[in-house]
Every structure is written in C-alpha cells, then in structure tokens.
C-alpha cells in the first residue's frame, strides 16, 4: 500500500508525486479539510419543520424509523 498526498481542485485530483502502475489500481481518497459540496446546500436546523413533517407523514402506515434504518443499511 502506498500513500500519496496532493490537492483536489475543480473536480481534479493532483498528486504531489508521480505514481506509475501498469495495472489498474484501486484508491481511497480522504479529504483532510472540510469542503463545501458543490451544488448542495446543507440543511440548517431552521430549515426543518416538525409540523410540516408530521403533516407529510399523516397518512404513512408503518414505522418510519424502521424504513430509514433499512434504507441506510442499503447505502
């Protein structure tokens, strides 16, 4: 396993040094600094409405919590 450092800018990763391989190699990219995702606006607490959520789920049958847990297991 080899570790390489570099930067991520404008959708491109630029490594500080060159790594040559004749094979396809899997990589893991770890962002060391917090970056704001492009095209997504993070939710703030004030954006959430318990009243609107209750209204939206008024006719929902079943366990919403169980569905959320099951959905997250699939990710």
N, C-alpha and C. Protein backbone atom coordinates (compact mmCIF):
# COMPACT_ATOMS: atom_id res chain seq x y z
N UNK A 1 0.85 -1.17 0.00
CA UNK A 1 0.00 0.00 0.00
C UNK A 1 0.90 1.23 0.00
N UNK A 2 0.56 2.19 -0.82
CA UNK A 2 1.33 3.42 -0.95
C UNK A 2 0.43 4.59 -0.62
N UNK A 3 0.93 5.55 0.13
CA UNK A 3 0.19 6.76 0.43
C UNK A 3 0.78 7.90 -0.40
N UNK A 4 -0.10 8.71 -0.98
CA UNK A 4 0.35 9.86 -1.76
C UNK A 4 -0.47 11.07 -1.34
N UNK A 5 0.16 12.22 -1.31
CA UNK A 5 -0.57 13.44 -0.97
C UNK A 5 -0.75 14.27 -2.23
N UNK A 6 -1.64 15.22 -2.16
CA UNK A 6 -1.89 16.08 -3.30
C UNK A 6 -3.00 17.05 -2.97
N UNK A 7 -3.63 17.60 -4.01
CA UNK A 7 -4.74 18.52 -3.80
C UNK A 7 -5.89 18.14 -4.72
N UNK A 8 -7.09 18.54 -4.32
CA UNK A 8 -8.29 18.38 -5.12
C UNK A 8 -8.78 19.77 -5.46
N UNK A 9 -8.90 20.05 -6.76
CA UNK A 9 -9.35 21.38 -7.18
C UNK A 9 -10.11 21.25 -8.48
N UNK A 10 -11.26 21.89 -8.54
CA UNK A 10 -12.10 21.90 -9.74
C UNK A 10 -12.39 20.49 -10.26
N UNK A 11 -12.66 19.55 -9.36
CA UNK A 11 -13.01 18.19 -9.76
C UNK A 11 -11.85 17.31 -10.15
N UNK A 12 -10.62 17.79 -9.98
CA UNK A 12 -9.44 17.03 -10.37
C UNK A 12 -8.53 16.82 -9.17
N UNK A 13 -7.98 15.62 -9.05
CA UNK A 13 -7.00 15.32 -8.01
C UNK A 13 -5.62 15.43 -8.63
N UNK A 14 -4.76 16.22 -8.02
CA UNK A 14 -3.38 16.36 -8.49
C UNK A 14 -2.45 15.86 -7.38
N UNK A 15 -1.71 14.80 -7.69
CA UNK A 15 -0.80 14.24 -6.70
C UNK A 15 0.50 15.04 -6.67
N UNK A 16 1.15 15.08 -5.49
CA UNK A 16 2.41 15.79 -5.33
C UNK A 16 3.56 15.06 -6.04
N UNK A 17 3.41 13.76 -6.21
CA UNK A 17 4.45 12.99 -6.91
C UNK A 17 3.77 12.04 -7.90
N UNK A 18 4.55 11.52 -8.82
CA UNK A 18 4.03 10.64 -9.87
C UNK A 18 4.07 9.19 -9.38
N UNK A 19 2.97 8.48 -9.61
CA UNK A 19 2.90 7.05 -9.30
C UNK A 19 2.57 6.34 -10.61
N UNK A 20 3.43 5.42 -11.02
CA UNK A 20 3.23 4.71 -12.28
C UNK A 20 2.89 3.26 -11.99
N UNK A 21 1.84 2.74 -12.65
CA UNK A 21 1.45 1.35 -12.50
C UNK A 21 0.95 0.85 -13.84
N UNK A 22 1.32 -0.35 -14.21
CA UNK A 22 0.84 -0.94 -15.46
C UNK A 22 -0.53 -1.56 -15.27
N UNK A 23 -0.94 -1.74 -14.02
CA UNK A 23 -2.25 -2.32 -13.71
C UNK A 23 -3.21 -1.22 -13.24
N UNK A 24 -4.50 -1.53 -13.32
CA UNK A 24 -5.50 -0.67 -12.71
C UNK A 24 -5.39 -0.84 -11.20
N UNK A 25 -5.38 0.25 -10.49
CA UNK A 25 -5.18 0.22 -9.05
C UNK A 25 -6.35 0.92 -8.36
N UNK A 26 -6.92 0.29 -7.34
CA UNK A 26 -7.97 0.94 -6.54
C UNK A 26 -7.32 1.96 -5.63
N UNK A 27 -8.04 3.05 -5.39
CA UNK A 27 -7.53 4.10 -4.50
C UNK A 27 -8.60 4.49 -3.50
N UNK A 28 -8.18 5.08 -2.42
CA UNK A 28 -9.08 5.67 -1.43
C UNK A 28 -8.68 7.14 -1.32
N UNK A 29 -9.66 8.02 -1.47
CA UNK A 29 -9.41 9.45 -1.38
C UNK A 29 -10.00 9.95 -0.07
N UNK A 30 -9.17 10.61 0.73
CA UNK A 30 -9.61 11.16 2.01
C UNK A 30 -9.41 12.67 1.97
N UNK A 31 -10.48 13.43 2.18
CA UNK A 31 -10.37 14.88 2.23
C UNK A 31 -9.98 15.27 3.65
N UNK A 32 -8.82 15.90 3.79
CA UNK A 32 -8.30 16.24 5.12
C UNK A 32 -8.91 17.51 5.68
N UNK A 33 -9.42 18.37 4.82
CA UNK A 33 -10.07 19.60 5.27
C UNK A 33 -11.53 19.55 4.89
N UNK A 34 -12.36 20.16 5.67
CA UNK A 34 -13.79 20.18 5.37
C UNK A 34 -14.04 21.06 4.15
N UNK A 35 -14.73 20.50 3.17
CA UNK A 35 -15.06 21.26 1.97
C UNK A 35 -16.57 21.30 1.81
N UNK A 36 -17.05 22.36 1.23
CA UNK A 36 -18.48 22.51 0.98
C UNK A 36 -18.82 21.78 -0.31
N UNK A 37 -19.76 20.82 -0.29
CA UNK A 37 -20.13 20.14 -1.52
C UNK A 37 -20.70 21.11 -2.54
N UNK A 38 -20.29 20.97 -3.79
CA UNK A 38 -20.78 21.84 -4.86
C UNK A 38 -22.17 21.39 -5.26
N UNK A 39 -23.09 22.33 -5.39
CA UNK A 39 -24.43 22.02 -5.86
C UNK A 39 -25.37 21.57 -4.75
N UNK A 40 -24.89 21.44 -3.56
CA UNK A 40 -25.74 21.03 -2.44
C UNK A 40 -25.69 22.10 -1.37
N UNK A 41 -26.81 22.41 -0.81
CA UNK A 41 -26.86 23.34 0.30
C UNK A 41 -27.17 22.55 1.55
N UNK A 42 -26.25 22.55 2.52
CA UNK A 42 -26.52 21.80 3.74
C UNK A 42 -27.74 22.34 4.47
N UNK A 43 -28.49 21.45 5.08
CA UNK A 43 -29.67 21.86 5.86
C UNK A 43 -29.23 22.49 7.16
N UNK A 44 -29.94 23.51 7.54
CA UNK A 44 -29.74 24.13 8.84
C UNK A 44 -30.93 23.77 9.70
N UNK A 45 -30.78 23.83 11.00
CA UNK A 45 -31.87 23.46 11.89
C UNK A 45 -33.13 24.25 11.58
N UNK A 46 -32.99 25.52 11.25
CA UNK A 46 -34.14 26.36 10.94
C UNK A 46 -34.87 25.96 9.67
N UNK A 47 -34.22 25.15 8.82
CA UNK A 47 -34.85 24.69 7.58
C UNK A 47 -35.84 23.55 7.82
N UNK A 48 -35.77 22.94 8.98
CA UNK A 48 -36.58 21.76 9.28
C UNK A 48 -37.84 22.18 10.03
N UNK A 49 -38.97 21.61 9.64
CA UNK A 49 -40.23 21.92 10.30
C UNK A 49 -40.87 20.62 10.78
N UNK A 50 -41.00 20.46 12.08
CA UNK A 50 -41.66 19.28 12.64
C UNK A 50 -43.13 19.24 12.21
N UNK A 51 -43.77 20.40 12.16
CA UNK A 51 -45.19 20.46 11.77
C UNK A 51 -45.37 19.99 10.32
N UNK A 52 -44.50 20.44 9.41
CA UNK A 52 -44.60 20.02 8.01
C UNK A 52 -44.30 18.53 7.87
N UNK A 53 -43.36 18.03 8.64
CA UNK A 53 -43.01 16.61 8.59
C UNK A 53 -44.18 15.76 9.08
N UNK A 54 -44.80 16.16 10.17
CA UNK A 54 -45.97 15.43 10.69
C UNK A 54 -47.10 15.45 9.68
N UNK A 55 -47.29 16.59 9.03
CA UNK A 55 -48.35 16.71 8.02
C UNK A 55 -48.04 15.78 6.83
N UNK A 56 -46.79 15.77 6.39
CA UNK A 56 -46.38 14.94 5.27
C UNK A 56 -46.56 13.45 5.57
N UNK A 57 -46.31 13.06 6.83
CA UNK A 57 -46.38 11.65 7.21
C UNK A 57 -47.72 11.24 7.82
N UNK A 58 -48.72 12.11 7.76
CA UNK A 58 -50.00 11.84 8.40
C UNK A 58 -50.64 10.55 7.92
N UNK A 59 -50.54 10.23 6.65
CA UNK A 59 -51.16 9.02 6.10
C UNK A 59 -50.18 7.86 5.93
N UNK A 60 -48.98 8.03 6.47
CA UNK A 60 -47.96 6.99 6.34
C UNK A 60 -48.28 5.84 7.28
N UNK A 61 -48.31 4.64 6.75
CA UNK A 61 -48.58 3.45 7.56
C UNK A 61 -47.28 2.68 7.72
N UNK A 62 -46.95 2.33 8.92
CA UNK A 62 -45.72 1.59 9.17
C UNK A 62 -44.79 2.37 10.07
N UNK A 63 -43.57 1.87 10.21
CA UNK A 63 -42.58 2.51 11.07
C UNK A 63 -41.61 3.31 10.21
N UNK A 64 -41.70 4.63 10.30
CA UNK A 64 -40.80 5.49 9.55
C UNK A 64 -39.35 5.24 9.97
N UNK A 65 -39.11 5.09 11.28
CA UNK A 65 -37.76 4.84 11.79
C UNK A 65 -37.19 3.56 11.20
N UNK A 66 -37.98 2.49 11.17
CA UNK A 66 -37.51 1.23 10.59
C UNK A 66 -37.18 1.38 9.11
N UNK A 67 -37.98 2.14 8.38
CA UNK A 67 -37.72 2.36 6.96
C UNK A 67 -36.43 3.16 6.75
N UNK A 68 -36.18 4.16 7.59
CA UNK A 68 -34.96 4.94 7.47
C UNK A 68 -33.74 4.05 7.76
N UNK A 69 -33.82 3.24 8.81
CA UNK A 69 -32.72 2.34 9.15
C UNK A 69 -32.46 1.36 8.01
N UNK A 70 -33.50 0.80 7.45
CA UNK A 70 -33.35 -0.15 6.33
C UNK A 70 -32.75 0.52 5.12
N UNK A 71 -33.18 1.75 4.85
CA UNK A 71 -32.65 2.48 3.70
C UNK A 71 -31.16 2.76 3.88
N UNK A 72 -30.75 3.13 5.08
CA UNK A 72 -29.33 3.43 5.35
C UNK A 72 -28.47 2.17 5.30
N UNK A 73 -29.04 1.03 5.66
CA UNK A 73 -28.27 -0.21 5.55
C UNK A 73 -27.94 -0.53 4.10
N UNK A 74 -28.83 -0.11 3.19
CA UNK A 74 -28.61 -0.37 1.77
C UNK A 74 -27.58 0.54 1.12
N UNK A 75 -27.20 1.61 1.80
CA UNK A 75 -26.23 2.56 1.21
C UNK A 75 -24.83 2.06 1.33
